[in-house]
């Protein structure tokens, strides 16, 4: 059910992340995702708060967060709306992630580190299906933001293979989509 509603949400330009899905359609999508993953607002909040508790202590990305975020509770609320939109297709977030990240002093190592901390946190805080769901989306976020920032700097970069520790664990008998892409990229030399 969730495949037809898949949205390339970070490349919406001037539009926000909300989609043209009816309320009943959105509710059905959310119910399906919750049933498959166990993700709900409480889990999103726990993941966000646990991630930032770790990220703020990190020597590479911590100083960027500390310099830019002045009201952590407001930031948690905004990130809760963002991840609700990303993970549950709720349509709660109405911001522009690319615009927020363009002025930041970040590059490939920062995105890899963000993914490493996020992946470790998701595995520690979430049930396996939820962690896989979050990590698949986190990879898309990192790729989109990294490539968008590079493009704004006049650079054209190929999509990179992320550190192995950032991929969701495969469920019994199946490989996760991100892991399959990583294996294919490794085989193709990139």
Protein backbone atom coordinates (compact mmCIF):
# COMPACT_ATOMS: atom_id res chain seq x y z
CA UNK A 1 0.00 0.00 0.00
CA UNK A 2 2.76 2.48 0.85
CA UNK A 3 4.52 2.24 -2.51
CA UNK A 4 1.96 4.29 -4.44
CA UNK A 5 2.33 7.16 -1.99
CA UNK A 6 6.12 7.31 -2.09
CA UNK A 7 7.20 10.95 -2.39
CA UNK A 8 10.51 12.44 -3.41
CA UNK A 9 9.99 14.96 -0.64
CA UNK A 10 13.35 16.69 -0.42
CA UNK A 11 13.32 17.74 -4.06
CA UNK A 12 10.04 19.63 -3.97
CA UNK A 13 11.69 23.02 -4.53
CA UNK A 14 9.53 25.81 -3.18
CA UNK A 15 6.70 23.52 -2.15
CA UNK A 16 6.57 21.99 1.29
CA UNK A 17 6.69 18.29 2.08
CA UNK A 18 2.92 17.91 2.22
CA UNK A 19 1.37 15.86 -0.58
CA UNK A 20 -1.99 15.88 -2.31
CA UNK A 21 -3.28 12.81 -0.45
CA UNK A 22 -6.82 12.93 0.92
CA UNK A 23 -7.30 12.69 4.68
CA UNK A 24 -8.78 9.19 4.47
CA UNK A 25 -5.95 8.13 2.14
CA UNK A 26 -3.36 9.63 4.47
CA UNK A 27 -4.93 7.89 7.47
CA UNK A 28 -4.82 4.55 5.63
CA UNK A 29 -1.15 5.07 4.75
CA UNK A 30 -0.28 5.97 8.35
CA UNK A 31 -2.21 2.97 9.71
CA UNK A 32 -0.37 0.67 7.28
CA UNK A 33 3.06 2.03 8.25
CA UNK A 34 2.26 1.85 11.97
CA UNK A 35 1.07 -1.76 11.59
CA UNK A 36 4.22 -2.78 9.68
CA UNK A 37 6.80 -0.88 11.73
CA UNK A 38 5.40 0.07 15.14
CA UNK A 39 6.37 3.71 14.52
CA UNK A 40 4.21 6.26 16.33
CA UNK A 41 4.71 9.79 17.67
CA UNK A 42 6.12 8.53 20.98
CA UNK A 43 8.76 6.43 19.20
CA UNK A 44 9.65 9.34 16.90
CA UNK A 45 10.10 11.61 19.93
CA UNK A 46 12.25 9.01 21.73
CA UNK A 47 14.40 8.53 18.61
CA UNK A 48 14.88 12.28 18.09
CA UNK A 49 15.78 13.01 21.70
CA UNK A 50 18.14 10.03 21.92
CA UNK A 51 19.81 10.95 18.62
CA UNK A 52 20.43 14.57 19.64
CA UNK A 53 21.71 13.54 23.07
CA UNK A 54 24.43 11.60 21.21
CA UNK A 55 24.95 14.00 18.30
CA UNK A 56 25.46 17.02 20.56
CA UNK A 57 28.43 15.23 22.15
CA UNK A 58 30.04 14.29 18.83
CA UNK A 59 33.21 16.27 18.05
CA UNK A 60 32.39 16.59 14.33
CA UNK A 61 28.68 17.40 14.18
CA UNK A 62 27.96 18.42 17.78
CA UNK A 63 29.42 21.93 17.46
CA UNK A 64 27.25 22.64 14.39
CA UNK A 65 24.08 21.74 16.29
CA UNK A 66 25.18 23.68 19.35
CA UNK A 67 25.87 26.80 17.27
CA UNK A 68 22.64 26.69 15.26
CA UNK A 69 20.02 25.35 17.69
CA UNK A 70 19.13 27.75 20.50
CA UNK A 71 15.77 26.35 21.60
CA UNK A 72 16.06 22.57 21.81
CA UNK A 73 12.42 21.92 22.71
CA UNK A 74 11.25 23.87 19.64
CA UNK A 75 13.80 21.96 17.55
CA UNK A 76 12.53 18.64 18.89
CA UNK A 77 8.99 19.68 17.93
CA UNK A 78 10.07 20.63 14.42
CA UNK A 79 12.05 17.41 14.00
CA UNK A 80 9.09 15.43 15.32
CA UNK A 81 6.89 16.95 12.61
CA UNK A 82 9.63 16.33 10.02
CA UNK A 83 10.11 12.66 10.92
CA UNK A 84 6.35 12.14 11.20
CA UNK A 85 6.06 13.38 7.61
CA UNK A 86 9.03 11.33 6.46
CA UNK A 87 8.31 8.09 8.30
CA UNK A 88 4.51 8.12 8.52
CA UNK A 89 3.58 10.33 5.53
CA UNK A 90 1.56 12.45 8.00
CA UNK A 91 2.05 15.77 6.22
CA UNK A 92 2.80 17.54 9.51
CA UNK A 93 6.06 19.19 8.37
CA UNK A 94 5.78 22.25 6.17
CA UNK A 95 9.38 23.40 5.99
CA UNK A 96 12.17 23.36 3.46
CA UNK A 97 14.97 21.05 4.63
CA UNK A 98 17.36 22.00 1.83
CA UNK A 99 17.11 25.72 2.59
CA UNK A 100 17.83 25.01 6.27
CA UNK A 101 20.97 23.02 5.45
CA UNK A 102 22.50 25.08 2.62
CA UNK A 103 24.24 27.63 4.88
CA UNK A 104 25.69 24.99 7.23
CA UNK A 105 29.41 24.14 7.13
CA UNK A 106 28.79 20.48 6.26
CA UNK A 107 30.18 18.04 3.72
CA UNK A 108 30.50 14.28 3.14
CA UNK A 109 32.11 13.41 6.50
CA UNK A 110 29.34 15.25 8.35
CA UNK A 111 26.59 13.35 6.54
CA UNK A 112 28.33 10.03 7.13
CA UNK A 113 28.73 10.83 10.82
CA UNK A 114 25.09 11.95 11.08
CA UNK A 115 24.04 8.62 9.54
CA UNK A 116 26.34 6.62 11.82
CA UNK A 117 24.91 8.23 14.95
CA UNK A 118 21.34 8.05 13.64
CA UNK A 119 21.72 4.38 12.67
CA UNK A 120 23.16 3.41 16.06
CA UNK A 121 20.40 5.33 17.82
CA UNK A 122 17.63 3.83 15.68
CA UNK A 123 18.94 0.31 16.36
CA UNK A 124 19.08 1.00 20.10
CA UNK A 125 15.71 2.74 20.42
CA UNK A 126 13.47 1.16 17.77
CA UNK A 127 12.15 -2.31 16.98
CA UNK A 128 13.95 -3.75 13.93
CA UNK A 129 11.19 -2.96 11.38
CA UNK A 130 11.02 0.64 12.58
CA UNK A 131 14.82 1.03 12.54
CA UNK A 132 14.94 -0.27 8.97
CA UNK A 133 12.13 2.10 7.94
CA UNK A 134 13.88 5.11 9.51
CA UNK A 135 17.30 4.19 8.11
CA UNK A 136 16.07 3.75 4.57
CA UNK A 137 14.68 7.27 4.72
CA UNK A 138 17.72 8.66 6.53
CA UNK A 139 19.91 7.47 3.66
CA UNK A 140 17.72 9.30 1.17
CA UNK A 141 17.83 12.44 3.31
CA UNK A 142 21.62 12.35 3.59
CA UNK A 143 22.07 11.70 -0.14
CA UNK A 144 19.66 14.44 -1.16
CA UNK A 145 21.05 17.06 1.21
CA UNK A 146 24.67 16.23 0.45
CA UNK A 147 24.14 16.35 -3.31
CA UNK A 148 22.01 19.51 -3.09
CA UNK A 149 24.61 21.34 -1.02
CA UNK A 150 27.40 20.24 -3.38
CA UNK A 151 25.37 21.40 -6.37
CA UNK A 152 24.86 24.82 -4.77
CA UNK A 153 28.66 25.02 -4.44
CA UNK A 154 28.97 24.30 -8.16
CA UNK A 155 30.06 20.69 -7.65
CA UNK A 156 28.57 17.66 -9.33
CA UNK A 157 29.11 14.51 -7.33
CA UNK A 158 28.05 10.93 -7.87
CA UNK A 159 25.97 9.27 -5.19
CA UNK A 160 28.34 7.66 -2.70
CA UNK A 161 28.22 4.41 -0.82
CA UNK A 162 27.70 5.13 2.86
CA UNK A 163 29.50 3.40 5.73
CA UNK A 164 28.27 -0.17 6.20
CA UNK A 165 27.26 0.57 9.80
CA UNK A 166 24.55 2.96 8.58
CA UNK A 167 22.48 0.41 6.68
CA UNK A 168 19.41 -1.19 8.22
CA UNK A 169 19.81 -4.81 9.24
CA UNK A 170 18.24 -7.28 6.84
CA UNK A 171 15.09 -8.94 8.11
CA UNK A 172 14.98 -12.72 8.23
CA UNK A 173 15.34 -14.04 4.67
CA UNK A 174 15.46 -10.68 2.90
CA UNK A 175 17.93 -7.93 2.17
CA UNK A 176 16.96 -4.34 2.90
CA UNK A 177 16.70 -1.99 -0.09
CA UNK A 178 19.62 0.12 1.17
CA UNK A 179 21.82 -2.94 1.67
CA UNK A 180 21.04 -4.17 -1.83
CA UNK A 181 22.01 -0.77 -3.25
CA UNK A 182 25.25 -0.78 -1.25
CA UNK A 183 26.21 -4.21 -2.60
CA UNK A 184 25.41 -3.14 -6.18
CA UNK A 185 27.41 0.08 -5.78
CA UNK A 186 30.37 -1.81 -4.33
CA UNK A 187 30.31 -4.24 -7.26
CA UNK A 188 30.27 -1.32 -9.70
CA UNK A 189 33.23 0.34 -8.01
CA UNK A 190 31.45 3.16 -6.33
